[in-house]
C-alpha atoms as a PDB file:
ATOM      1  CA  MET A   1      16.562   9.537 -11.654  1.00  0.00           C
ATOM      2  CA  THR A   2      17.051   6.019 -13.659  1.00  0.00           C
ATOM      3  CA  ASN A   3      15.073   4.710 -16.527  1.00  0.00           C
ATOM      4  CA  PRO A   4      12.145   2.724 -15.421  1.00  0.00           C
ATOM      5  CA  VAL A   5      12.665  -0.253 -17.791  1.00  0.00           C
ATOM      6  CA  SER A   6      15.795  -2.433 -18.054  1.00  0.00           C
ATOM      7  CA  LYS A   7      17.438  -2.789 -20.567  1.00  0.00           C
ATOM      8  CA  THR A   8      16.210  -6.743 -21.529  1.00  0.00           C
ATOM      9  CA  ASP A   9      12.795  -5.401 -21.413  1.00  0.00           C
ATOM     10  CA  ALA A  10      13.291  -2.825 -23.684  1.00  0.00           C
ATOM     11  CA  VAL A  11      14.908  -5.222 -26.235  1.00  0.00           C
ATOM     12  CA  PHE A  12      11.838  -7.550 -25.609  1.00  0.00           C
ATOM     13  CA  LEU A  13       9.255  -4.237 -26.428  1.00  0.00           C
ATOM     14  CA  LYS A  14      10.942  -3.140 -29.818  1.00  0.00           C
ATOM     15  CA  HIS A  15      10.782  -7.082 -31.181  1.00  0.00           C
ATOM     16  CA  PHE A  16       7.494  -7.441 -30.008  1.00  0.00           C
ATOM     17  CA  VAL A  17       6.560  -4.263 -32.240  1.00  0.00           C
ATOM     18  CA  GLN A  18       8.027  -4.873 -34.925  1.00  0.00           C
ATOM     19  CA  LEU A  19       6.342  -8.221 -35.264  1.00  0.00           C
ATOM     20  CA  ILE A  20       2.903  -6.395 -34.508  1.00  0.00           C
ATOM     21  CA  THR A  21       4.351  -3.834 -37.398  1.00  0.00           C
ATOM     22  CA  PHE A  22       5.041  -7.173 -39.832  1.00  0.00           C
ATOM     23  CA  LEU A  23       1.711  -8.988 -39.220  1.00  0.00           C
ATOM     24  CA  VAL A  24       0.309  -5.332 -39.561  1.00  0.00           C
ATOM     25  CA  CYS A  25       2.154  -4.955 -42.697  1.00  0.00           C
ATOM     26  CA  LEU A  26       1.176  -8.962 -43.950  1.00  0.00           C
ATOM     27  CA  ARG A  27      -2.616  -8.491 -43.243  1.00  0.00           C
ATOM     28  CA  ILE A  28      -2.165  -5.086 -45.388  1.00  0.00           C
ATOM     29  CA  ALA A  29      -0.717  -6.732 -48.453  1.00  0.00           C
ATOM     30  CA  LEU A  30      -3.035  -9.920 -48.582  1.00  0.00           C
ATOM     31  CA  ILE A  31      -6.287  -7.398 -48.791  1.00  0.00           C
ATOM     32  CA  ALA A  32      -4.939  -5.778 -51.255  1.00  0.00           C
ATOM     33  CA  LEU A  33      -3.889  -9.005 -53.153  1.00  0.00           C
ATOM     34  CA  GLY A  34      -7.209 -10.076 -51.793  1.00  0.00           C
ATOM     35  CA  ALA A  35      -8.841  -7.050 -53.499  1.00  0.00           C
ATOM     36  CA  TYR A  36      -7.187  -7.623 -57.094  1.00  0.00           C
ATOM     37  CA  ILE A  37      -7.909 -10.864 -57.281  1.00  0.00           C
ATOM     38  CA  TYR A  38     -11.593 -10.369 -56.910  1.00  0.00           C
ATOM     39  CA  SER A  39     -11.391  -7.073 -59.318  1.00  0.00           C
ATOM     40  CA  HIS A  40     -10.354  -9.815 -62.117  1.00  0.00           C
ATOM     41  CA  HIS A  41     -12.481 -12.426 -61.179  1.00  0.00           C
ATOM     42  CA  PRO A  42     -15.522 -12.549 -64.034  1.00  0.00           C
ATOM     43  CA  ALA A  43     -19.146 -11.681 -62.327  1.00  0.00           C
ATOM     44  CA  GLU A  44     -21.485 -14.759 -62.173  1.00  0.00           C
ATOM     45  CA  GLU A  45     -23.644 -14.860 -64.891  1.00  0.00           C
ATOM     46  CA  ASN A  46     -27.535 -15.020 -64.596  1.00  0.00           C
ATOM     47  CA  PRO A  47     -29.316 -18.143 -64.347  1.00  0.00           C
ATOM     48  CA  ALA A  48     -32.623 -16.513 -65.917  1.00  0.00           C
ATOM     49  CA  LYS A  49     -30.136 -14.556 -69.001  1.00  0.00           C
ATOM     50  CA  ALA A  50     -28.641 -18.313 -69.667  1.00  0.00           C
ATOM     51  CA  ARG A  51     -32.229 -20.085 -69.938  1.00  0.00           C
ATOM     52  CA  VAL A  52     -32.903 -17.113 -72.485  1.00  0.00           C
ATOM     53  CA  THR A  53     -29.709 -17.759 -74.515  1.00  0.00           C
ATOM     54  CA  ASP A  54     -30.452 -20.941 -74.650  1.00  0.00           C
ATOM     55  CA  GLN A  55     -33.787 -21.403 -75.645  1.00  0.00           C
ATOM     56  CA  ARG A  56     -32.853 -18.821 -78.377  1.00  0.00           C
ATOM     57  CA  LEU A  57     -30.025 -21.065 -79.758  1.00  0.00           C
ATOM     58  CA  LEU A  58     -32.671 -24.222 -79.917  1.00  0.00           C
ATOM     59  CA  PRO A  59     -33.543 -25.041 -83.359  1.00  0.00           C
ATOM     60  CA  VAL A  60     -36.941 -24.110 -84.698  1.00  0.00           C
ATOM     61  CA  GLY A  61     -38.088 -27.763 -85.809  1.00  0.00           C
ATOM     62  CA  GLY A  62     -36.514 -30.953 -84.349  1.00  0.00           C
ATOM     63  CA  VAL A  63     -33.357 -31.919 -86.362  1.00  0.00           C
ATOM     64  CA  TYR A  64     -32.652 -34.909 -87.722  1.00  0.00           C
ATOM     65  CA  ALA A  65     -28.995 -35.756 -87.766  1.00  0.00           C
ATOM     66  CA  GLY A  66     -28.683 -38.836 -89.919  1.00  0.00           C
ATOM     67  CA  ASP A  67     -27.896 -42.326 -88.207  1.00  0.00           C
ATOM     68  CA  THR A  68     -25.125 -40.670 -86.112  1.00  0.00           C
ATOM     69  CA  GLY A  69     -28.241 -38.851 -84.415  1.00  0.00           C
ATOM     70  CA  ARG A  70     -29.923 -41.755 -84.109  1.00  0.00           C
ATOM     71  CA  ALA A  71     -27.437 -44.144 -82.361  1.00  0.00           C
ATOM     72  CA  PRO A  72     -27.345 -42.009 -78.884  1.00  0.00           C
ATOM     73  CA  ARG A  73     -30.722 -42.193 -78.652  1.00  0.00           C
ATOM     74  CA  SER A  74     -31.132 -46.710 -79.276  1.00  0.00           C
ATOM     75  CA  PRO A  75     -30.270 -48.487 -75.817  1.00  0.00           C
ATOM     76  CA  PRO A  76     -26.798 -50.190 -75.407  1.00  0.00           C
ATOM     77  CA  PRO A  77     -27.131 -53.619 -76.683  1.00  0.00           C
ATOM     78  CA  LYS A  78     -27.524 -56.308 -73.981  1.00  0.00           C
ATOM     79  CA  GLN A  79     -24.606 -58.929 -73.694  1.00  0.00           C
ATOM     80  CA  ARG A  80     -24.424 -61.794 -71.826  1.00  0.00           C
ATOM     81  CA  PRO A  81     -22.395 -61.838 -68.764  1.00  0.00           C
ATOM     82  CA  SER A  82     -18.959 -63.681 -69.165  1.00  0.00           C
ATOM     83  CA  ARG A  83     -18.390 -66.457 -66.921  1.00  0.00           C
ATOM     84  CA  LEU A  84     -14.856 -65.730 -64.599  1.00  0.00           C
ATOM     85  CA  PRO A  85     -12.481 -68.248 -63.528  1.00  0.00           C
ATOM     86  CA  ARG A  86     -12.653 -70.235 -61.046  1.00  0.00           C
ATOM     87  CA  GLN A  87     -10.114 -69.055 -58.601  1.00  0.00           C
ATOM     88  CA  LYS A  88      -7.550 -71.734 -57.243  1.00  0.00           C
ATOM     89  CA  TRP A  89      -6.750 -70.722 -53.862  1.00  0.00           C
ATOM     90  CA  PRO A  90      -9.874 -69.535 -51.374  1.00  0.00           C
ATOM     91  CA  THR A  91      -9.963 -66.200 -50.352  1.00  0.00           C
ATOM     92  CA  ALA A  92     -10.696 -66.948 -46.822  1.00  0.00           C
ATOM     93  CA  ALA A  93      -9.302 -68.806 -44.245  1.00  0.00           C
ATOM     94  CA  PRO A  94     -11.253 -72.195 -43.440  1.00  0.00           C
ATOM     95  CA  PRO A  95     -13.365 -71.815 -40.527  1.00  0.00           C
ATOM     96  CA  MET A  96     -11.937 -72.693 -36.792  1.00  0.00           C
ATOM     97  CA  ALA A  97     -12.902 -76.296 -35.233  1.00  0.00           C
ATOM     98  CA  ARG A  98     -15.194 -75.871 -31.829  1.00  0.00           C
ATOM     99  CA  PRO A  99     -14.023 -76.924 -29.009  1.00  0.00           C
ATOM    100  CA  SER A 100     -16.592 -79.672 -27.359  1.00  0.00           C
ATOM    101  CA  SER A 101     -15.784 -78.912 -23.626  1.00  0.00           C
ATOM    102  CA  ALA A 102     -13.904 -76.102 -21.106  1.00  0.00           C
ATOM    103  CA  THR A 103     -11.554 -78.696 -20.710  1.00  0.00           C
ATOM    104  CA  SER A 104     -10.657 -78.581 -24.415  1.00  0.00           C
ATOM    105  CA  VAL A 105     -10.735 -74.897 -24.610  1.00  0.00           C
ATOM    106  CA  MET A 106      -8.493 -74.354 -21.623  1.00  0.00           C
ATOM    107  CA  ARG A 107      -6.105 -77.037 -23.796  1.00  0.00           C
ATOM    108  CA  ALA A 108      -5.938 -74.977 -26.823  1.00  0.00           C
ATOM    109  CA  MET A 109      -5.616 -71.875 -25.108  1.00  0.00           C
ATOM    110  CA  ARG A 110      -2.427 -73.691 -23.183  1.00  0.00           C
ATOM    111  CA  PRO A 111       1.019 -73.024 -25.208  1.00  0.00           C
ATOM    112  CA  ALA A 112       3.129 -75.565 -26.637  1.00  0.00           C
ATOM    113  CA  PRO A 113       5.827 -77.053 -24.265  1.00  0.00           C
ATOM    114  CA  VAL A 114       8.971 -76.280 -24.821  1.00  0.00           C
ATOM    115  CA  ALA A 115      11.965 -78.757 -24.855  1.00  0.00           C
ATOM    116  CA  ARG A 116      14.352 -78.230 -22.119  1.00  0.00           C
ATOM    117  CA  ARG A 117      18.085 -78.801 -22.087  1.00  0.00           C
ATOM    118  CA  CYS A 118      19.967 -79.753 -19.271  1.00  0.00           C
END
């Protein structure tokens, strides 16, 4: 009785099983790494609890911090716009002259003559 699986097919199946085994092990390792990182991640804080803490830490009355406390509340002084230096060169190309007729358009599109050497 002969083996129904040829030698090349057996080698292919061996490598295929090795690849699938590696990918399954990689999947398990990534799941374990994700679980480890997630276990060390702090939980989100409840926003209601944060508001209660902020209300508890607020001062009972208004607090005067002197001149340093008044400075951020005042509007900034208005500044006059500075004059920009005038540019020496134009930033855009000058507009092209419009041809007056269809023949001048054709002349404008025609390539320049080339000098021939004999």
